[in-house]
């Protein structure tokens, strides 16, 4: 995954970090929209999204966040990956796993 993130960062890396963080916020909003559509929570639209739509939007959040992390580490996807690994380990430890 991180090799792809490195290439995506190179492609999108000239975007300001503020723009990347706004894009991340947009992607999170699309997760909410997909969840609402999957469960028919908007009576005007009913059920209009699928589980795959929701999974795709969640994946977009992960990808967008990883690209932003790579930007914050100065374009070093390896360093971003190490930081994410440390955070996952810390959260797992807090959960008692």
Protein backbone atom coordinates (compact mmCIF):
# COMPACT_ATOMS: atom_id res chain seq x y z
CA UNK A 1 0.00 0.00 0.00
CA UNK A 2 2.67 2.50 0.98
CA UNK A 3 4.46 2.25 -2.38
CA UNK A 4 1.20 3.33 -3.99
CA UNK A 5 0.80 6.09 -1.39
CA UNK A 6 4.30 7.35 -2.24
CA UNK A 7 3.36 7.55 -5.93
CA UNK A 8 0.01 9.18 -5.18
CA UNK A 9 1.78 11.71 -2.97
CA UNK A 10 4.17 12.51 -5.81
CA UNK A 11 1.15 13.03 -8.07
CA UNK A 12 -0.83 15.15 -5.56
CA UNK A 13 2.01 16.37 -3.36
CA UNK A 14 2.02 19.90 -4.69
CA UNK A 15 -1.39 20.48 -3.10
CA UNK A 16 -1.11 22.53 0.08
CA UNK A 17 -1.56 20.52 3.29
CA UNK A 18 -4.61 22.65 4.08
CA UNK A 19 -6.17 21.50 0.81
CA UNK A 20 -5.30 17.88 1.59
CA UNK A 21 -6.92 18.14 5.02
CA UNK A 22 -10.02 19.72 3.51
CA UNK A 23 -10.13 16.82 1.02
CA UNK A 24 -9.95 14.42 3.95
CA UNK A 25 -12.91 16.20 5.56
CA UNK A 26 -14.81 15.90 2.28
CA UNK A 27 -14.11 12.17 2.13
CA UNK A 28 -15.38 11.69 5.71
CA UNK A 29 -18.57 13.48 4.68
CA UNK A 30 -18.94 11.04 1.80
CA UNK A 31 -18.69 8.17 4.31
CA UNK A 32 -21.60 9.70 6.22
CA UNK A 33 -23.57 10.12 2.99
CA UNK A 34 -22.96 6.48 2.03
CA UNK A 35 -24.01 5.29 5.50
CA UNK A 36 -27.21 7.35 5.32
CA UNK A 37 -27.96 5.97 1.86
CA UNK A 38 -27.19 2.39 2.87
CA UNK A 39 -29.64 2.53 5.76
CA UNK A 40 -32.30 4.67 4.09
CA UNK A 41 -32.01 7.40 6.73
CA UNK A 42 -33.01 10.11 4.25
CA UNK A 43 -36.71 9.52 3.62
CA UNK A 44 -36.55 11.51 0.40
CA UNK A 45 -33.92 9.18 -1.12
CA UNK A 46 -34.57 5.89 0.67
CA UNK A 47 -31.96 3.15 0.33
CA UNK A 48 -29.69 4.42 -2.41
CA UNK A 49 -26.20 3.19 -1.52
CA UNK A 50 -24.61 -0.23 -1.04
CA UNK A 51 -22.19 -1.82 1.38
CA UNK A 52 -19.56 -1.60 -1.37
CA UNK A 53 -20.22 2.15 -1.69
CA UNK A 54 -19.61 2.54 2.05
CA UNK A 55 -16.46 0.43 1.96
CA UNK A 56 -15.18 2.42 -1.01
CA UNK A 57 -15.71 5.70 0.81
CA UNK A 58 -13.96 4.37 3.93
CA UNK A 59 -11.03 3.28 1.75
CA UNK A 60 -10.90 6.78 0.25
CA UNK A 61 -10.59 8.22 3.76
CA UNK A 62 -7.66 5.90 4.54
CA UNK A 63 -5.92 6.72 1.26
CA UNK A 64 -6.45 10.47 1.61
CA UNK A 65 -5.22 10.42 5.22
CA UNK A 66 -2.13 8.41 4.24
CA UNK A 67 -1.28 10.92 1.50
CA UNK A 68 -1.68 13.80 3.98
CA UNK A 69 0.52 11.97 6.49
CA UNK A 70 3.14 11.54 3.78
CA UNK A 71 3.00 15.27 3.06
CA UNK A 72 3.46 16.09 6.74
CA UNK A 73 6.51 13.81 6.87
CA UNK A 74 8.06 15.73 3.99
CA UNK A 75 7.11 13.21 1.31
CA UNK A 76 8.46 10.18 3.16
CA UNK A 77 5.80 7.45 2.99
CA UNK A 78 8.08 5.10 4.97
CA UNK A 79 8.11 7.53 7.89
CA UNK A 80 4.32 7.97 7.64
CA UNK A 81 3.90 4.19 7.69
CA UNK A 82 6.12 3.87 10.78
CA UNK A 83 4.07 6.52 12.56
CA UNK A 84 0.81 4.77 11.67
CA UNK A 85 2.21 1.44 12.87
CA UNK A 86 3.16 3.06 16.19
CA UNK A 87 -0.33 4.55 16.57
CA UNK A 88 -2.04 1.23 15.78
CA UNK A 89 0.15 -0.48 18.38
CA UNK A 90 -0.65 2.22 20.97
CA UNK A 91 -4.39 1.96 20.34
CA UNK A 92 -4.22 -1.86 20.54
CA UNK A 93 -2.32 -1.61 23.83
CA UNK A 94 -4.93 0.79 25.25
CA UNK A 95 -7.61 -1.70 24.21
CA UNK A 96 -5.76 -4.44 26.07
CA UNK A 97 -4.84 -6.40 22.97
